[in-house]
């Protein structure tokens, strides 16, 4: 799979057709889904490293691929694709509401030229002003949104929160891979480590825009933006 993407630029859908023809399945005898294929391709554990929290570790197993091939695959996965006119890839669009007027938050992108001539790209979220055109709520950067979301899901009152079936399915795939990592590295009991916080942190930092949106929308809370802070009440 990695070599086909790195050398021939095969897409996830092309890989799935090939895997289906070769009758390769999961341990349970099921065909690999498209999301599972992308999950495998993005997992650094395949070249011998993995992250837990803010730290990186070297696994004890023999890597399946080299780090060079892994990096080549990541470049192929983020290659720009044709999109419909007017469409943008904002992970948290429609996920939050404005605390001042109740409008939905929308995404916006900014480009700033550095002193060395390079261009820096930023994504911000702000009130759409559909309810109040003069709404005073200010912009918040996407990175700050991620940081605040991680704090929210790790707070005491959300440790046992219920989530949607879609998020639960995402969690089970994450749990399966992490379980194998913990066994290989002898880091301890996975039941005490694979939590909503660790799963949510992984998705918010490494997931696709759609995965991030599914995770936030699958939480049983409504989040509001007020003075550049996400909160659960207006």
Protein backbone atom coordinates (compact mmCIF):
# COMPACT_ATOMS: atom_id res chain seq x y z
CA UNK A 1 0.00 0.00 0.00
CA UNK A 2 2.73 2.48 0.98
CA UNK A 3 4.83 1.75 -2.11
CA UNK A 4 1.85 2.10 -4.44
CA UNK A 5 1.06 5.55 -3.02
CA UNK A 6 4.69 6.75 -2.83
CA UNK A 7 5.82 5.51 -6.25
CA UNK A 8 2.66 5.58 -8.36
CA UNK A 9 0.49 8.16 -6.57
CA UNK A 10 -2.39 5.73 -6.06
CA UNK A 11 -5.38 7.16 -4.20
CA UNK A 12 -7.18 5.55 -1.29
CA UNK A 13 -10.01 4.44 -3.57
CA UNK A 14 -7.56 2.87 -6.02
CA UNK A 15 -5.94 0.98 -3.14
CA UNK A 16 -9.33 -0.25 -1.92
CA UNK A 17 -10.20 -1.68 -5.36
CA UNK A 18 -6.84 -3.46 -5.43
CA UNK A 19 -7.23 -4.81 -1.88
CA UNK A 20 -10.75 -6.02 -2.63
CA UNK A 21 -9.49 -7.90 -5.70
CA UNK A 22 -6.67 -9.55 -3.72
CA UNK A 23 -9.19 -10.55 -1.02
CA UNK A 24 -7.09 -9.05 1.77
CA UNK A 25 -9.27 -8.61 4.87
CA UNK A 26 -9.14 -7.70 8.54
CA UNK A 27 -8.68 -10.34 11.22
CA UNK A 28 -12.46 -10.63 11.36
CA UNK A 29 -12.67 -11.41 7.66
CA UNK A 30 -14.10 -8.03 6.66
CA UNK A 31 -12.91 -5.89 3.76
CA UNK A 32 -10.85 -2.83 4.63
CA UNK A 33 -12.90 0.35 4.53
CA UNK A 34 -11.59 3.54 2.95
CA UNK A 35 -11.22 5.19 6.36
CA UNK A 36 -9.16 2.23 7.63
CA UNK A 37 -6.85 2.47 4.60
CA UNK A 38 -6.18 6.17 5.21
CA UNK A 39 -5.73 5.50 8.93
CA UNK A 40 -3.01 2.93 8.16
CA UNK A 41 -1.28 5.20 5.66
CA UNK A 42 -1.12 8.05 8.19
CA UNK A 43 0.03 5.92 11.13
CA UNK A 44 3.76 6.56 11.92
CA UNK A 45 3.87 3.27 13.86
CA UNK A 46 4.52 1.57 10.50
CA UNK A 47 8.00 3.12 10.28
CA UNK A 48 8.77 2.52 13.95
CA UNK A 49 7.58 5.62 15.82
CA UNK A 50 4.43 6.69 17.57
CA UNK A 51 3.25 9.63 19.64
CA UNK A 52 1.54 9.55 23.00
CA UNK A 53 0.48 12.91 24.38
CA UNK A 54 3.21 15.40 23.46
CA UNK A 55 6.03 12.82 23.29
CA UNK A 56 7.36 10.55 20.54
CA UNK A 57 8.59 7.00 21.16
CA UNK A 58 10.54 4.41 19.18
CA UNK A 59 8.72 1.07 19.02
CA UNK A 60 10.50 -2.24 19.57
CA UNK A 61 9.15 -4.01 16.48
CA UNK A 62 10.87 -4.08 13.07
CA UNK A 63 9.48 -1.22 10.94
CA UNK A 64 7.38 -2.24 7.94
CA UNK A 65 8.61 0.72 5.87
CA UNK A 66 11.30 3.40 6.02
CA UNK A 67 10.64 6.88 7.31
CA UNK A 68 11.49 8.22 3.85
CA UNK A 69 8.69 6.22 2.22
CA UNK A 70 6.28 7.27 4.98
CA UNK A 71 7.07 10.95 4.34
CA UNK A 72 6.61 10.49 0.59
CA UNK A 73 3.16 9.02 1.24
CA UNK A 74 2.19 11.93 3.49
CA UNK A 75 3.10 14.38 0.70
CA UNK A 76 0.88 12.45 -1.71
CA UNK A 77 -2.01 12.45 0.78
CA UNK A 78 -1.97 16.23 1.20
CA UNK A 79 -1.59 16.98 -2.51
CA UNK A 80 -4.17 19.62 -3.54
CA UNK A 81 -7.31 18.26 -5.19
CA UNK A 82 -9.86 19.95 -7.36
CA UNK A 83 -12.75 21.36 -5.35
CA UNK A 84 -16.03 22.94 -6.24
CA UNK A 85 -15.99 26.70 -6.61
CA UNK A 86 -16.53 28.43 -3.27
CA UNK A 87 -15.78 25.37 -1.16
CA UNK A 88 -13.14 25.48 1.60
CA UNK A 89 -11.78 22.85 3.96
CA UNK A 90 -12.60 24.34 7.35
CA UNK A 91 -12.64 21.64 10.02
CA UNK A 92 -14.87 23.45 12.52
CA UNK A 93 -17.31 25.24 10.24
CA UNK A 94 -20.86 24.94 11.67
CA UNK A 95 -19.51 23.31 14.87
CA UNK A 96 -19.90 26.32 17.20
CA UNK A 97 -22.22 29.26 17.77
CA UNK A 98 -21.65 32.86 18.70
CA UNK A 99 -22.44 33.56 22.36
CA UNK A 100 -23.48 37.15 21.61
CA UNK A 101 -26.03 36.73 18.80
CA UNK A 102 -26.46 32.97 18.29
CA UNK A 103 -25.15 32.86 14.71
CA UNK A 104 -22.99 29.96 13.51
CA UNK A 105 -19.23 30.39 13.30
CA UNK A 106 -17.63 30.23 9.86
CA UNK A 107 -14.04 29.83 8.72
CA UNK A 108 -11.77 32.28 6.99
CA UNK A 109 -8.17 32.09 5.81
CA UNK A 110 -5.43 34.70 5.95
CA UNK A 111 -2.07 34.84 4.20
CA UNK A 112 0.83 36.82 5.67
CA UNK A 113 4.20 37.41 4.07
CA UNK A 114 7.18 36.83 6.36
CA UNK A 115 10.37 38.92 6.33
CA UNK A 116 12.16 36.15 4.42
CA UNK A 117 9.54 36.34 1.66
CA UNK A 118 7.72 33.10 2.50
CA UNK A 119 3.96 33.03 2.95
CA UNK A 120 2.33 31.92 6.21
CA UNK A 121 -1.19 30.52 6.09
CA UNK A 122 -3.65 30.91 8.98
CA UNK A 123 -7.25 29.77 9.45
CA UNK A 124 -9.58 31.74 11.72
CA UNK A 125 -13.19 31.32 12.85
CA UNK A 126 -15.63 34.13 13.49
CA UNK A 127 -19.32 34.89 13.85
CA UNK A 128 -21.15 34.71 10.52
CA UNK A 129 -23.23 37.74 11.62
CA UNK A 130 -26.38 36.22 10.14
CA UNK A 131 -28.38 37.38 13.16
CA UNK A 132 -26.55 40.59 14.05
CA UNK A 133 -24.42 42.25 11.38
CA UNK A 134 -22.69 44.37 14.04
CA UNK A 135 -21.90 41.45 16.34
CA UNK A 136 -18.77 42.32 18.42
CA UNK A 137 -17.36 38.79 18.80
CA UNK A 138 -13.72 38.56 17.68
CA UNK A 139 -11.81 36.05 15.55
CA UNK A 140 -10.16 32.94 17.01
CA UNK A 141 -7.40 30.96 15.29
CA UNK A 142 -7.87 27.28 14.42
CA UNK A 143 -4.86 26.33 16.55
CA UNK A 144 -6.40 28.06 19.56
CA UNK A 145 -9.69 26.25 18.88
CA UNK A 146 -7.84 22.92 18.99
CA UNK A 147 -6.00 23.84 22.22
CA UNK A 148 -9.23 24.87 23.95
CA UNK A 149 -11.12 21.77 22.75
CA UNK A 150 -8.43 19.52 24.22
CA UNK A 151 -8.79 21.29 27.57
CA UNK A 152 -12.59 20.92 27.44
CA UNK A 153 -12.62 17.16 26.75
CA UNK A 154 -10.05 16.55 29.50
CA UNK A 155 -11.98 18.46 32.15
CA UNK A 156 -13.59 16.51 34.97
CA UNK A 157 -17.22 16.98 33.98
CA UNK A 158 -16.69 15.42 30.52
CA UNK A 159 -14.72 12.31 31.45
CA UNK A 160 -17.75 10.03 31.10
CA UNK A 161 -19.61 11.88 28.34
CA UNK A 162 -21.64 9.97 25.77
CA UNK A 163 -20.75 10.44 22.10
CA UNK A 164 -22.42 9.67 18.78
CA UNK A 165 -22.17 6.30 17.05
CA UNK A 166 -19.91 7.78 14.37
CA UNK A 167 -17.45 9.05 16.98
CA UNK A 168 -17.63 5.72 18.82
CA UNK A 169 -16.65 3.94 15.59
CA UNK A 170 -13.70 6.30 15.14
CA UNK A 171 -12.71 5.63 18.75
CA UNK A 172 -12.78 1.84 18.28
CA UNK A 173 -10.42 2.05 15.28
CA UNK A 174 -8.07 4.28 17.27
CA UNK A 175 -8.29 1.94 20.25
CA UNK A 176 -7.36 -1.10 18.13
CA UNK A 177 -4.18 0.52 16.79
CA UNK A 178 -3.18 1.99 20.17
CA UNK A 179 -3.73 -1.38 21.83
CA UNK A 180 -1.13 -2.94 19.50
CA UNK A 181 1.29 -0.07 20.17
CA UNK A 182 1.06 -0.46 23.94
CA UNK A 183 1.61 -4.21 23.74
CA UNK A 184 4.69 -3.75 21.52
CA UNK A 185 6.24 -1.11 23.77
CA UNK A 186 5.18 -2.45 27.17
CA UNK A 187 3.85 0.94 28.27
CA UNK A 188 1.16 -0.51 30.51
CA UNK A 189 -2.53 -1.35 30.65
CA UNK A 190 -4.26 0.11 27.59
CA UNK A 191 -7.59 0.34 29.43
CA UNK A 192 -6.17 3.08 31.66
CA UNK A 193 -4.54 4.95 28.80
CA UNK A 194 -6.98 4.90 25.88
CA UNK A 195 -9.35 7.59 27.07
CA UNK A 196 -11.62 10.18 25.50
CA UNK A 197 -8.85 12.71 26.11
CA UNK A 198 -6.12 10.72 24.33
CA UNK A 199 -8.45 9.81 21.45
CA UNK A 200 -9.81 13.35 21.11
CA UNK A 201 -6.32 14.83 21.31
CA UNK A 202 -5.15 12.55 18.50
CA UNK A 203 -8.12 13.39 16.25
CA UNK A 204 -7.92 17.15 16.87
CA UNK A 205 -4.18 17.24 16.15
CA UNK A 206 -3.79 14.62 13.43
CA UNK A 207 -7.22 13.88 11.99
CA UNK A 208 -8.67 15.06 8.71
CA UNK A 209 -11.01 18.05 8.62
CA UNK A 210 -13.97 15.69 8.36
CA UNK A 211 -12.79 13.58 11.32
CA UNK A 212 -12.36 16.70 13.45
CA UNK A 213 -15.83 17.94 12.51
CA UNK A 214 -17.40 14.52 13.18
CA UNK A 215 -15.72 14.36 16.58
CA UNK A 216 -16.85 17.82 17.72
CA UNK A 217 -20.37 17.41 16.35
CA UNK A 218 -20.59 14.00 18.04
CA UNK A 219 -20.06 15.49 21.51
CA UNK A 220 -23.31 15.95 23.50
CA UNK A 221 -22.63 19.64 24.14
CA UNK A 222 -23.14 22.92 22.32
CA UNK A 223 -20.09 25.15 22.34
CA UNK A 224 -20.18 28.95 22.06
CA UNK A 225 -17.51 31.52 21.28
CA UNK A 226 -17.21 34.48 23.63
CA UNK A 227 -14.19 36.78 23.85
CA UNK A 228 -12.07 34.25 21.96
CA UNK A 229 -12.99 31.50 24.41
CA UNK A 230 -15.04 28.37 23.80
CA UNK A 231 -17.62 27.70 26.50
CA UNK A 232 -20.68 25.51 27.04
CA UNK A 233 -23.06 28.37 27.90
CA UNK A 234 -23.88 31.70 26.28
